[in-house]
Amino acid sequence: AENAELKKRVQAWAGAKPVLELDPAAVVPSRFANRIDFEGIDFARFKEEVRAAGGNVQPIKVVPFPAQPGRYQIVYGHRRHRACAELGLKVRAIVDEGLDEQRQFVEMERENRERKSLSAYEQGVWYLRAMTPRNQLTEGSDLEGWGLFDGLRALADAIGQDPGNVSKACRIARLPAVVLDAFPRRTDIQFNWSTKLARAFERDAAGVIERARRIAAQRAAGRGMDAKQTCSELTFESSAQAEELKPSQVQISLPNGLGLATVITSKEGATSVLFSRELTAQQRDQLVEALAHAFR
């Protein structure tokens, strides 16, 4: 009976990964490491929590180097490893020998999402490198790709993220360095600025770059803007030129009881039409004819 109980207890731990206390110097960052910001108040507070606890309460995860016994590479937990290293503490780590590179990437992404979220820029760079063929340079960067996923959809499916969010992060990472460096820190750029920054650059790349250089020069002279003000200036939101870029609107009355249509034309020449009511298929045909006549 005692043997049966002991066997049951052993079976309960089948497949469990060992947790070791490692010298941080024997642990190196993953080549997929996605954090670039280990400064500021947030990290200082986190490091103090680690110091007060005598180490990292939640273990990091590592994989061993096959040809280097006693050496490990981080899968996730770079902040915890960095804090322990700076404090001179051992780092508690789960050792997992069965993870391929793609699985390491997925586990790192999901673990980070549950803890301290990455900035939009950090995520964008990370995603672009994962989608770029191995050893090829990513678009607009001197960083080499890892060749882990064949396109945005495959990446989004693997990490369980909305493709739209992946795309927003990539748009930010693709901005030229001169634009990114106009911000106090690249990690200050927010997800919801992605579309307007990308559109502003597509609309007037030279103008955005010129404003970015001016903002950077002002910051170097001690007159810098915060991140939100920088975004507004780069996208004309706080500039007198914003008024010049407003689209023109013309409202016309349509025949045959179709009501009103508002025709909006942007400075780039794109035209859209807003209707005051829902139309049937026949009415839409009449509308097309009416608009064609109105703009001859």
C-alpha atoms as a PDB file:
ATOM      1  CA  ALA A   1       0.000   0.000   0.000  1.00  0.00           C
ATOM      2  CA  GLU A   2       2.855   2.334   0.877  1.00  0.00           C
ATOM      3  CA  ASN A   3       4.620   1.563  -2.398  1.00  0.00           C
ATOM      4  CA  ALA A   4       1.409   2.201  -4.335  1.00  0.00           C
ATOM      5  CA  GLU A   5       0.978   5.593  -2.622  1.00  0.00           C
ATOM      6  CA  LEU A   6       4.584   6.566  -3.368  1.00  0.00           C
ATOM      7  CA  LYS A   7       4.173   5.519  -7.007  1.00  0.00           C
ATOM      8  CA  LYS A   8       1.030   7.647  -7.258  1.00  0.00           C
ATOM      9  CA  ARG A   9       2.910  10.660  -5.916  1.00  0.00           C
ATOM     10  CA  VAL A  10       5.768  10.158  -8.365  1.00  0.00           C
ATOM     11  CA  GLN A  11       3.355   9.849 -11.293  1.00  0.00           C
ATOM     12  CA  ALA A  12       1.769  13.156 -10.319  1.00  0.00           C
ATOM     13  CA  TRP A  13       5.116  14.836 -11.088  1.00  0.00           C
ATOM     14  CA  ALA A  14       5.662  13.045 -14.406  1.00  0.00           C
ATOM     15  CA  GLY A  15       6.687  15.550 -17.081  1.00  0.00           C
ATOM     16  CA  ALA A  16       7.395  18.319 -14.579  1.00  0.00           C
ATOM     17  CA  LYS A  17      10.300  20.587 -15.452  1.00  0.00           C
ATOM     18  CA  PRO A  18      13.045  21.133 -12.874  1.00  0.00           C
ATOM     19  CA  VAL A  19      13.446  24.543 -11.227  1.00  0.00           C
ATOM     20  CA  LEU A  20      17.074  25.479 -10.599  1.00  0.00           C
ATOM     21  CA  GLU A  21      18.801  28.425  -8.983  1.00  0.00           C
ATOM     22  CA  LEU A  22      21.258  29.627 -11.604  1.00  0.00           C
ATOM     23  CA  ASP A  23      24.055  32.153 -11.717  1.00  0.00           C
ATOM     24  CA  PRO A  24      22.695  34.972 -13.952  1.00  0.00           C
ATOM     25  CA  ALA A  25      26.094  35.075 -15.667  1.00  0.00           C
ATOM     26  CA  ALA A  26      25.451  31.544 -16.964  1.00  0.00           C
ATOM     27  CA  VAL A  27      22.177  32.659 -18.569  1.00  0.00           C
ATOM     28  CA  VAL A  28      22.131  34.688 -21.792  1.00  0.00           C
ATOM     29  CA  PRO A  29      19.239  36.558 -23.422  1.00  0.00           C
ATOM     30  CA  SER A  30      17.314  34.855 -26.186  1.00  0.00           C
ATOM     31  CA  ARG A  31      18.178  35.847 -29.716  1.00  0.00           C
ATOM     32  CA  PHE A  32      14.446  36.554 -29.932  1.00  0.00           C
ATOM     33  CA  ALA A  33      14.662  38.993 -26.995  1.00  0.00           C
ATOM     34  CA  ASN A  34      12.071  41.711 -27.493  1.00  0.00           C
ATOM     35  CA  ARG A  35      12.620  44.134 -24.628  1.00  0.00           C
ATOM     36  CA  ILE A  36      14.830  47.141 -25.199  1.00  0.00           C
ATOM     37  CA  ASP A  37      13.842  49.226 -22.169  1.00  0.00           C
ATOM     38  CA  PHE A  38      15.378  48.290 -18.806  1.00  0.00           C
ATOM     39  CA  GLU A  39      15.368  51.821 -17.461  1.00  0.00           C
ATOM     40  CA  GLY A  40      12.864  54.167 -15.907  1.00  0.00           C
ATOM     41  CA  ILE A  41      10.605  54.095 -12.876  1.00  0.00           C
ATOM     42  CA  ASP A  42       8.736  50.902 -13.779  1.00  0.00           C
ATOM     43  CA  PHE A  43      11.858  48.760 -13.950  1.00  0.00           C
ATOM     44  CA  ALA A  44      13.300  50.370 -10.813  1.00  0.00           C
ATOM     45  CA  ARG A  45      10.134  49.463  -8.912  1.00  0.00           C
ATOM     46  CA  PHE A  46      10.186  45.938 -10.285  1.00  0.00           C
ATOM     47  CA  LYS A  47      13.823  45.476  -9.272  1.00  0.00           C
ATOM     48  CA  GLU A  48      12.996  46.648  -5.742  1.00  0.00           C
ATOM     49  CA  GLU A  49      10.242  44.014  -5.538  1.00  0.00           C
ATOM     50  CA  VAL A  50      12.758  41.336  -6.556  1.00  0.00           C
ATOM     51  CA  ARG A  51      15.262  42.605  -3.971  1.00  0.00           C
ATOM     52  CA  ALA A  52      12.640  42.601  -1.194  1.00  0.00           C
ATOM     53  CA  ALA A  53      11.631  39.018  -2.064  1.00  0.00           C
ATOM     54  CA  GLY A  54      15.234  37.816  -2.137  1.00  0.00           C
ATOM     55  CA  GLY A  55      14.984  36.839  -5.799  1.00  0.00           C
ATOM     56  CA  ASN A  56      12.453  36.190  -8.518  1.00  0.00           C
ATOM     57  CA  VAL A  57       9.421  34.479  -6.964  1.00  0.00           C
ATOM     58  CA  GLN A  58       8.120  33.442 -10.400  1.00  0.00           C
ATOM     59  CA  PRO A  59      10.773  31.395 -12.239  1.00  0.00           C
ATOM     60  CA  ILE A  60      11.973  32.352 -15.682  1.00  0.00           C
ATOM     61  CA  LYS A  61      12.151  29.680 -18.394  1.00  0.00           C
ATOM     62  CA  VAL A  62      15.405  28.673 -20.092  1.00  0.00           C
ATOM     63  CA  VAL A  63      16.691  26.107 -22.573  1.00  0.00           C
ATOM     64  CA  PRO A  64      20.178  24.588 -22.237  1.00  0.00           C
ATOM     65  CA  PHE A  65      22.907  25.052 -24.832  1.00  0.00           C
ATOM     66  CA  PRO A  66      23.533  21.474 -26.069  1.00  0.00           C
ATOM     67  CA  ALA A  67      27.243  21.991 -26.629  1.00  0.00           C
ATOM     68  CA  GLN A  68      27.863  24.109 -23.515  1.00  0.00           C
ATOM     69  CA  PRO A  69      26.968  22.293 -20.268  1.00  0.00           C
ATOM     70  CA  GLY A  70      25.898  24.686 -17.523  1.00  0.00           C
ATOM     71  CA  ARG A  71      24.957  27.444 -20.013  1.00  0.00           C
ATOM     72  CA  TYR A  72      21.369  28.451 -20.731  1.00  0.00           C
ATOM     73  CA  GLN A  73      19.367  30.741 -23.006  1.00  0.00           C
ATOM     74  CA  ILE A  74      16.251  32.592 -21.831  1.00  0.00           C
ATOM     75  CA  VAL A  75      12.873  31.691 -23.306  1.00  0.00           C
ATOM     76  CA  TYR A  76      11.007  34.265 -21.218  1.00  0.00           C
ATOM     77  CA  GLY A  77      11.711  36.322 -18.114  1.00  0.00           C
ATOM     78  CA  HIS A  78      14.308  38.818 -19.359  1.00  0.00           C
ATOM     79  CA  ARG A  79      13.230  41.485 -16.836  1.00  0.00           C
ATOM     80  CA  ARG A  80      13.501  39.031 -13.928  1.00  0.00           C
ATOM     81  CA  HIS A  81      16.906  37.838 -15.141  1.00  0.00           C
ATOM     82  CA  ARG A  82      18.150  41.411 -15.571  1.00  0.00           C
ATOM     83  CA  ALA A  83      16.923  42.413 -12.099  1.00  0.00           C
ATOM     84  CA  CYS A  84      18.604  39.425 -10.442  1.00  0.00           C
ATOM     85  CA  ALA A  85      21.842  40.060 -12.348  1.00  0.00           C
ATOM     86  CA  GLU A  86      21.962  43.716 -11.269  1.00  0.00           C
ATOM     87  CA  LEU A  87      21.156  42.765  -7.660  1.00  0.00           C
ATOM     88  CA  GLY A  88      23.727  39.954  -7.513  1.00  0.00           C
ATOM     89  CA  LEU A  89      21.059  37.313  -6.803  1.00  0.00           C
ATOM     90  CA  LYS A  90      20.603  33.807  -8.135  1.00  0.00           C
ATOM     91  CA  VAL A  91      17.824  33.530 -10.700  1.00  0.00           C
ATOM     92  CA  ARG A  92      15.226  30.786 -10.322  1.00  0.00           C
ATOM     93  CA  ALA A  93      14.602  29.097 -13.677  1.00  0.00           C
ATOM     94  CA  ILE A  94      12.544  26.308 -15.215  1.00  0.00           C
ATOM     95  CA  VAL A  95      14.743  24.260 -17.535  1.00  0.00           C
ATOM     96  CA  ASP A  96      12.937  22.993 -20.650  1.00  0.00           C
ATOM     97  CA  GLU A  97      14.909  20.920 -23.150  1.00  0.00           C
ATOM     98  CA  GLY A  98      12.065  20.269 -25.581  1.00  0.00           C
ATOM     99  CA  LEU A  99      11.331  23.653 -27.207  1.00  0.00           C
ATOM    100  CA  ASP A 100      12.107  24.415 -30.850  1.00  0.00           C
ATOM    101  CA  GLU A 101      12.666  28.031 -31.945  1.00  0.00           C
ATOM    102  CA  GLN A 102       9.106  28.676 -33.087  1.00  0.00           C
ATOM    103  CA  ARG A 103       7.716  27.382 -29.791  1.00  0.00           C
ATOM    104  CA  GLN A 104      10.188  29.523 -27.845  1.00  0.00           C
ATOM    105  CA  PHE A 105       8.927  32.584 -29.706  1.00  0.00           C
ATOM    106  CA  VAL A 106       5.263  31.743 -29.028  1.00  0.00           C
ATOM    107  CA  GLU A 107       5.830  31.070 -25.320  1.00  0.00           C
ATOM    108  CA  MET A 108       7.780  34.312 -24.911  1.00  0.00           C
ATOM    109  CA  GLU A 109       5.037  36.340 -26.612  1.00  0.00           C
ATOM    110  CA  ARG A 110       2.215  34.878 -24.533  1.00  0.00           C
ATOM    111  CA  GLU A 111       4.097  35.149 -21.236  1.00  0.00           C
ATOM    112  CA  ASN A 112       4.957  38.797 -21.931  1.00  0.00           C
ATOM    113  CA  ARG A 113       1.343  39.572 -22.784  1.00  0.00           C
ATOM    114  CA  GLU A 114       0.224  38.294 -19.384  1.00  0.00           C
ATOM    115  CA  ARG A 115       2.835  40.355 -17.556  1.00  0.00           C
ATOM    116  CA  LYS A 116       4.459  43.630 -18.582  1.00  0.00           C
ATOM    117  CA  SER A 117       3.178  44.382 -22.080  1.00  0.00           C
ATOM    118  CA  LEU A 118       5.682  45.326 -24.723  1.00  0.00           C
ATOM    119  CA  SER A 119       5.465  48.724 -26.372  1.00  0.00           C
ATOM    120  CA  ALA A 120       4.002  48.952 -29.867  1.00  0.00           C
ATOM    121  CA  TYR A 121       7.487  49.568 -31.291  1.00  0.00           C
ATOM    122  CA  GLU A 122       9.042  46.584 -29.507  1.00  0.00           C
ATOM    123  CA  GLN A 123       6.243  44.309 -30.699  1.00  0.00           C
ATOM    124  CA  GLY A 124       6.457  45.625 -34.257  1.00  0.00           C
ATOM    125  CA  VAL A 125      10.202  45.003 -34.537  1.00  0.00           C
ATOM    126  CA  TRP A 126       9.751  41.565 -33.022  1.00  0.00           C
ATOM    127  CA  TYR A 127       6.931  40.609 -35.393  1.00  0.00           C
ATOM    128  CA  LEU A 128       8.779  41.870 -38.480  1.00  0.00           C
ATOM    129  CA  ARG A 129      11.882  39.852 -37.623  1.00  0.00           C
ATOM    130  CA  ALA A 130       9.760  36.733 -37.058  1.00  0.00           C
ATOM    131  CA  MET A 131       8.161  37.124 -40.525  1.00  0.00           C
ATOM    132  CA  THR A 132      11.318  38.048 -42.442  1.00  0.00           C
ATOM    133  CA  PRO A 133      13.195  35.106 -44.048  1.00  0.00           C
ATOM    134  CA  ARG A 134      16.191  33.930 -42.047  1.00  0.00           C
ATOM    135  CA  ASN A 135      19.312  36.084 -42.399  1.00  0.00           C
ATOM    136  CA  GLN A 136      17.553  38.663 -44.595  1.00  0.00           C
ATOM    137  CA  LEU A 137      17.346  42.262 -43.392  1.00  0.00           C
ATOM    138  CA  THR A 138      13.952  43.470 -42.243  1.00  0.00           C
ATOM    139  CA  GLU A 139      12.304  46.292 -44.159  1.00  0.00           C
ATOM    140  CA  GLY A 140      13.934  49.640 -43.346  1.00  0.00           C
ATOM    141  CA  SER A 141      16.246  48.090 -40.767  1.00  0.00           C
ATOM    142  CA  ASP A 142      19.659  46.483 -40.406  1.00  0.00           C
ATOM    143  CA  LEU A 143      18.169  43.698 -38.258  1.00  0.00           C
ATOM    144  CA  GLU A 144      18.199  40.168 -39.656  1.00  0.00           C
ATOM    145  CA  GLY A 145      15.062  38.070 -39.906  1.00  0.00           C
ATOM    146  CA  TRP A 146      14.512  34.799 -38.099  1.00  0.00           C
ATOM    147  CA  GLY A 147      12.277  33.097 -40.676  1.00  0.00           C
ATOM    148  CA  LEU A 148       9.872  31.684 -38.078  1.00  0.00           C
ATOM    149  CA  PHE A 149       6.498  32.401 -39.729  1.00  0.00           C
ATOM    150  CA  ASP A 150       5.318  32.667 -43.314  1.00  0.00           C
ATOM    151  CA  GLY A 151       3.439  35.949 -43.209  1.00  0.00           C
ATOM    152  CA  LEU A 152       1.296  38.005 -40.864  1.00  0.00           C
ATOM    153  CA  ARG A 153      -1.671  35.630 -40.735  1.00  0.00           C
ATOM    154  CA  ALA A 154       0.477  32.637 -39.756  1.00  0.00           C
ATOM    155  CA  LEU A 155       2.160  34.668 -37.027  1.00  0.00           C
ATOM    156  CA  ALA A 156      -1.122  36.034 -35.660  1.00  0.00           C
ATOM    157  CA  ASP A 157      -2.667  32.551 -35.576  1.00  0.00           C
ATOM    158  CA  ALA A 158       0.342  31.062 -33.780  1.00  0.00           C
ATOM    159  CA  ILE A 159       0.384  33.660 -30.993  1.00  0.00           C
ATOM    160  CA  GLY A 160      -3.393  34.034 -30.764  1.00  0.00           C
ATOM    161  CA  GLN A 161      -3.376  37.732 -31.630  1.00  0.00           C
ATOM    162  CA  ASP A 162      -5.715  39.774 -33.822  1.00  0.00           C
ATOM    163  CA  PRO A 163      -4.039  40.326 -37.226  1.00  0.00           C
ATOM    164  CA  GLY A 164      -5.052  43.996 -37.066  1.00  0.00           C
ATOM    165  CA  ASN A 165      -3.041  44.520 -33.878  1.00  0.00           C
ATOM    166  CA  VAL A 166      -0.032  42.778 -35.392  1.00  0.00           C
ATOM    167  CA  SER A 167      -0.332  45.022 -38.454  1.00  0.00           C
ATOM    168  CA  LYS A 168      -0.525  48.204 -36.326  1.00  0.00           C
ATOM    169  CA  ALA A 169       2.651  47.298 -34.474  1.00  0.00           C
ATOM    170  CA  CYS A 170       4.448  46.533 -37.753  1.00  0.00           C
ATOM    171  CA  ARG A 171       3.416  49.915 -39.213  1.00  0.00           C
ATOM    172  CA  ILE A 172       5.117  51.689 -36.324  1.00  0.00           C
ATOM    173  CA  ALA A 173       8.280  49.589 -36.594  1.00  0.00           C
ATOM    174  CA  ARG A 174       8.488  50.324 -40.347  1.00  0.00           C
ATOM    175  CA  LEU A 175       8.645  54.107 -39.816  1.00  0.00           C
ATOM    176  CA  PRO A 176      12.070  55.595 -40.646  1.00  0.00           C
ATOM    177  CA  ALA A 177      14.529  55.946 -37.778  1.00  0.00           C
ATOM    178  CA  VAL A 178      14.458  59.746 -38.045  1.00  0.00           C
ATOM    179  CA  VAL A 179      10.702  59.711 -37.341  1.00  0.00           C
ATOM    180  CA  LEU A 180      10.945  57.177 -34.529  1.00  0.00           C
ATOM    181  CA  ASP A 181      13.749  59.148 -32.892  1.00  0.00           C
ATOM    182  CA  ALA A 182      11.652  62.315 -32.837  1.00  0.00           C
ATOM    183  CA  PHE A 183       9.856  60.790 -29.835  1.00  0.00           C
ATOM    184  CA  PRO A 184      11.421  60.956 -26.350  1.00  0.00           C
ATOM    185  CA  ARG A 185      11.716  57.149 -26.559  1.00  0.00           C
ATOM    186  CA  ARG A 186      10.585  54.787 -29.285  1.00  0.00           C
ATOM    187  CA  THR A 187       8.770  52.770 -26.637  1.00  0.00           C
ATOM    188  CA  ASP A 188       6.521  55.802 -25.944  1.00  0.00           C
ATOM    189  CA  ILE A 189       4.697  55.396 -29.270  1.00  0.00           C
ATOM    190  CA  GLN A 190       1.174  54.064 -28.699  1.00  0.00           C
ATOM    191  CA  PHE A 191      -0.746  51.513 -30.757  1.00  0.00           C
ATOM    192  CA  ASN A 192      -3.585  53.914 -31.531  1.00  0.00           C
ATOM    193  CA  TRP A 193      -1.152  56.336 -33.215  1.00  0.00           C
ATOM    194  CA  SER A 194      -0.145  53.737 -35.778  1.00  0.00           C
ATOM    195  CA  THR A 195      -2.627  54.566 -38.531  1.00  0.00           C
ATOM    196  CA  LYS A 196      -2.300  58.353 -38.427  1.00  0.00           C
ATOM    197  CA  LEU A 197       1.508  58.218 -38.332  1.00  0.00           C
ATOM    198  CA  ALA A 198       1.599  55.831 -41.282  1.00  0.00           C
ATOM    199  CA  ARG A 199      -0.918  57.916 -43.256  1.00  0.00           C
ATOM    200  CA  ALA A 200       0.932  61.151 -42.541  1.00  0.00           C
ATOM    201  CA  PHE A 201       4.165  59.605 -43.808  1.00  0.00           C
ATOM    202  CA  GLU A 202       2.494  58.188 -46.920  1.00  0.00           C
ATOM    203  CA  ARG A 203       0.889  61.550 -47.635  1.00  0.00           C
ATOM    204  CA  ASP A 204       3.966  63.724 -47.139  1.00  0.00           C
ATOM    205  CA  ALA A 205       7.114  61.774 -46.306  1.00  0.00           C
ATOM    206  CA  ALA A 206       9.452  64.729 -46.820  1.00  0.00           C
ATOM    207  CA  GLY A 207       7.347  66.979 -44.588  1.00  0.00           C
ATOM    208  CA  VAL A 208       7.139  64.413 -41.781  1.00  0.00           C
ATOM    209  CA  ILE A 209      10.904  63.844 -41.887  1.00  0.00           C
ATOM    210  CA  GLU A 210      11.560  67.593 -41.828  1.00  0.00           C
ATOM    211  CA  ARG A 211       9.309  68.054 -38.780  1.00  0.00           C
ATOM    212  CA  ALA A 212      10.891  65.030 -37.083  1.00  0.00           C
ATOM    213  CA  ARG A 213      14.364  66.543 -37.474  1.00  0.00           C
ATOM    214  CA  ARG A 214      13.151  69.872 -36.113  1.00  0.00           C
ATOM    215  CA  ILE A 215      11.560  68.167 -33.079  1.00  0.00           C
ATOM    216  CA  ALA A 216      14.760  66.199 -32.403  1.00  0.00           C
ATOM    217  CA  ALA A 217      16.833  69.387 -32.624  1.00  0.00           C
ATOM    218  CA  GLN A 218      14.510  71.135 -30.178  1.00  0.00           C
ATOM    219  CA  ARG A 219      14.795  68.219 -27.755  1.00  0.00           C
ATOM    220  CA  ALA A 220      18.583  68.301 -27.982  1.00  0.00           C
ATOM    221  CA  ALA A 221      18.393  71.990 -27.076  1.00  0.00           C
ATOM    222  CA  GLY A 222      16.258  71.208 -24.032  1.00  0.00           C
ATOM    223  CA  ARG A 223      12.902  72.206 -25.524  1.00  0.00           C
ATOM    224  CA  GLY A 224      11.501  68.766 -26.230  1.00  0.00           C
ATOM    225  CA  MET A 225       7.831  67.802 -26.552  1.00  0.00           C
ATOM    226  CA  ASP A 226       6.246  64.835 -24.829  1.00  0.00           C
ATOM    227  CA  ALA A 227       5.258  61.783 -26.906  1.00  0.00           C
ATOM    228  CA  LYS A 228       1.648  62.864 -27.493  1.00  0.00           C
ATOM    229  CA  GLN A 229       2.675  66.352 -28.607  1.00  0.00           C
ATOM    230  CA  THR A 230       5.291  64.837 -30.899  1.00  0.00           C
ATOM    231  CA  CYS A 231       2.705  62.619 -32.575  1.00  0.00           C
ATOM    232  CA  SER A 232       0.368  65.594 -33.032  1.00  0.00           C
ATOM    233  CA  GLU A 233       3.103  67.699 -34.594  1.00  0.00           C
ATOM    234  CA  LEU A 234       4.231  64.938 -36.943  1.00  0.00           C
ATOM    235  CA  THR A 235       0.658  64.323 -38.122  1.00  0.00           C
ATOM    236  CA  PHE A 236      -0.291  68.046 -38.386  1.00  0.00           C
ATOM    237  CA  GLU A 237      -2.779  67.792 -35.526  1.00  0.00           C
ATOM    238  CA  SER A 238      -1.215  70.727 -33.715  1.00  0.00           C
ATOM    239  CA  SER A 239      -0.056  72.566 -36.808  1.00  0.00           C
ATOM    240  CA  ALA A 240      -1.614  75.389 -38.799  1.00  0.00           C
ATOM    241  CA  GLN A 241      -1.190  73.144 -41.838  1.00  0.00           C
ATOM    242  CA  ALA A 242      -3.911  70.867 -40.467  1.00  0.00           C
ATOM    243  CA  GLU A 243      -6.540  73.285 -41.722  1.00  0.00           C
ATOM    244  CA  GLU A 244      -5.060  73.135 -45.202  1.00  0.00           C
ATOM    245  CA  LEU A 245      -5.339  69.349 -45.246  1.00  0.00           C
ATOM    246  CA  LYS A 246      -9.007  69.181 -44.309  1.00  0.00           C
ATOM    247  CA  PRO A 247     -11.039  67.527 -47.074  1.00  0.00           C
ATOM    248  CA  SER A 248     -13.588  69.564 -48.982  1.00  0.00           C
ATOM    249  CA  GLN A 249     -17.256  68.679 -48.603  1.00  0.00           C
ATOM    250  CA  VAL A 250     -20.071  69.365 -51.041  1.00  0.00           C
ATOM    251  CA  GLN A 251     -23.693  68.489 -50.300  1.00  0.00           C
ATOM    252  CA  ILE A 252     -25.993  67.935 -53.269  1.00  0.00           C
ATOM    253  CA  SER A 253     -29.691  67.182 -53.533  1.00  0.00           C
ATOM    254  CA  LEU A 254     -30.436  64.075 -55.588  1.00  0.00           C
ATOM    255  CA  PRO A 255     -33.412  63.662 -57.933  1.00  0.00           C
ATOM    256  CA  ASN A 256     -36.251  61.120 -57.702  1.00  0.00           C
ATOM    257  CA  GLY A 257     -36.595  61.488 -53.941  1.00  0.00           C
ATOM    258  CA  LEU A 258     -33.159  60.061 -53.214  1.00  0.00           C
ATOM    259  CA  GLY A 259     -32.443  62.709 -50.575  1.00  0.00           C
ATOM    260  CA  LEU A 260     -29.047  64.258 -49.968  1.00  0.00           C
ATOM    261  CA  ALA A 261     -25.519  63.080 -50.673  1.00  0.00           C
ATOM    262  CA  THR A 262     -22.340  64.508 -49.150  1.00  0.00           C
ATOM    263  CA  VAL A 263     -19.350  64.249 -51.480  1.00  0.00           C
ATOM    264  CA  ILE A 264     -16.003  64.397 -49.635  1.00  0.00           C
ATOM    265  CA  THR A 265     -12.807  64.976 -51.603  1.00  0.00           C
ATOM    266  CA  SER A 266      -9.418  64.768 -49.883  1.00  0.00           C
ATOM    267  CA  LYS A 267      -6.405  66.865 -50.826  1.00  0.00           C
ATOM    268  CA  GLU A 268      -4.948  63.747 -52.442  1.00  0.00           C
ATOM    269  CA  GLY A 269      -7.972  63.474 -54.740  1.00  0.00           C
ATOM    270  CA  ALA A 270      -9.714  60.513 -53.086  1.00  0.00           C
ATOM    271  CA  THR A 271     -13.495  60.892 -53.148  1.00  0.00           C
ATOM    272  CA  SER A 272     -16.134  59.285 -50.952  1.00  0.00           C
ATOM    273  CA  VAL A 273     -19.897  59.752 -50.832  1.00  0.00           C
ATOM    274  CA  LEU A 274     -22.125  59.664 -47.752  1.00  0.00           C
ATOM    275  CA  PHE A 275     -25.884  59.160 -48.174  1.00  0.00           C
ATOM    276  CA  SER A 276     -28.668  60.415 -45.943  1.00  0.00           C
ATOM    277  CA  ARG A 277     -30.677  57.190 -46.259  1.00  0.00           C
ATOM    278  CA  GLU A 278     -30.367  53.502 -47.156  1.00  0.00           C
ATOM    279  CA  LEU A 279     -30.920  52.836 -50.849  1.00  0.00           C
ATOM    280  CA  THR A 280     -32.337  49.938 -52.817  1.00  0.00           C
ATOM    281  CA  ALA A 281     -30.399  48.448 -55.723  1.00  0.00           C
ATOM    282  CA  GLN A 282     -32.494  50.441 -58.228  1.00  0.00           C
ATOM    283  CA  GLN A 283     -31.963  53.636 -56.274  1.00  0.00           C
ATOM    284  CA  ARG A 284     -28.217  53.019 -56.185  1.00  0.00           C
ATOM    285  CA  ASP A 285     -28.213  52.780 -59.979  1.00  0.00           C
ATOM    286  CA  GLN A 286     -30.112  56.057 -60.147  1.00  0.00           C
ATOM    287  CA  LEU A 287     -27.640  57.567 -57.705  1.00  0.00           C
ATOM    288  CA  VAL A 288     -24.645  56.604 -59.827  1.00  0.00           C
ATOM    289  CA  GLU A 289     -26.283  58.247 -62.842  1.00  0.00           C
ATOM    290  CA  ALA A 290     -27.129  61.383 -60.827  1.00  0.00           C
ATOM    291  CA  LEU A 291     -23.596  61.721 -59.474  1.00  0.00           C
ATOM    292  CA  ALA A 292     -22.076  61.199 -62.913  1.00  0.00           C
ATOM    293  CA  HIS A 293     -24.283  63.978 -64.222  1.00  0.00           C
ATOM    294  CA  ALA A 294     -23.485  66.282 -61.279  1.00  0.00           C
ATOM    295  CA  PHE A 295     -19.713  65.990 -61.782  1.00  0.00           C
ATOM    296  CA  ARG A 296     -19.513  66.239 -65.545  1.00  0.00           C
END
